[in-house]
């Protein structure tokens, strides 16, 4: 089951991850939310992160304190 987040306006977003290769040769994982389930959908929030909502209703991942 994909992780979903319903914002204060009632819109549902799904959490995704994508691994990208940097010029230095390192791999970086990008996390993003989408209204549709696409390739790379995650089942849970990564360890050490929490979901927050911006003023305009978009969900974002923030490092947990």
Protein backbone atom coordinates (compact mmCIF):
# COMPACT_ATOMS: atom_id res chain seq x y z
CA UNK A 1 0.00 0.00 0.00
CA UNK A 2 1.45 3.33 -1.05
CA UNK A 3 1.95 6.09 1.51
CA UNK A 4 -0.60 8.83 0.99
CA UNK A 5 -1.09 12.25 2.60
CA UNK A 6 -4.34 14.20 2.52
CA UNK A 7 -3.76 17.94 2.91
CA UNK A 8 -6.05 20.46 4.61
CA UNK A 9 -7.86 21.08 1.31
CA UNK A 10 -8.71 17.39 0.90
CA UNK A 11 -6.28 16.63 -1.94
CA UNK A 12 -4.45 13.29 -1.68
CA UNK A 13 -0.74 13.07 -2.54
CA UNK A 14 1.50 9.98 -2.82
CA UNK A 15 5.16 9.88 -1.74
CA UNK A 16 7.76 8.87 -4.35
CA UNK A 17 11.53 8.44 -4.44
CA UNK A 18 13.96 8.65 -7.34
CA UNK A 19 17.70 7.91 -7.27
CA UNK A 20 19.82 10.25 -9.40
CA UNK A 21 23.49 10.06 -10.25
CA UNK A 22 25.44 13.25 -9.56
CA UNK A 23 28.42 14.48 -11.59
CA UNK A 24 30.70 13.50 -8.72
CA UNK A 25 29.58 9.89 -9.12
CA UNK A 26 27.53 9.78 -5.92
CA UNK A 27 23.91 8.70 -5.87
CA UNK A 28 21.33 11.04 -4.32
CA UNK A 29 17.75 10.08 -3.49
CA UNK A 30 15.09 12.68 -4.28
CA UNK A 31 11.75 12.49 -2.47
CA UNK A 32 8.64 14.10 -3.93
CA UNK A 33 4.85 14.03 -3.72
CA UNK A 34 2.51 13.50 -6.66
CA UNK A 35 -1.27 13.38 -7.05
CA UNK A 36 -0.93 10.10 -8.99
CA UNK A 37 0.85 6.86 -8.14
CA UNK A 38 3.82 6.55 -10.49
CA UNK A 39 6.99 4.49 -10.65
CA UNK A 40 8.98 4.77 -7.43
CA UNK A 41 6.04 5.11 -5.03
CA UNK A 42 7.00 4.44 -1.40
CA UNK A 43 5.08 2.46 1.23
CA UNK A 44 6.24 4.57 4.19
CA UNK A 45 8.01 7.79 5.10
CA UNK A 46 11.81 7.26 5.24
CA UNK A 47 13.37 7.00 8.69
CA UNK A 48 14.35 10.38 10.11
CA UNK A 49 11.78 12.33 8.05
CA UNK A 50 8.32 13.75 8.77
CA UNK A 51 5.61 15.11 6.48
CA UNK A 52 4.70 18.79 6.77
CA UNK A 53 2.35 21.01 4.78
CA UNK A 54 3.29 24.36 3.26
CA UNK A 55 1.06 27.44 3.51
CA UNK A 56 -0.38 26.74 0.05
CA UNK A 57 -1.23 23.10 0.88
CA UNK A 58 1.67 21.23 -0.72
CA UNK A 59 3.17 18.37 1.32
CA UNK A 60 6.94 18.32 1.89
CA UNK A 61 9.37 16.03 3.72
CA UNK A 62 11.33 17.57 6.55
CA UNK A 63 14.07 16.02 8.64
CA UNK A 64 12.66 15.05 12.03
CA UNK A 65 14.14 16.80 15.00
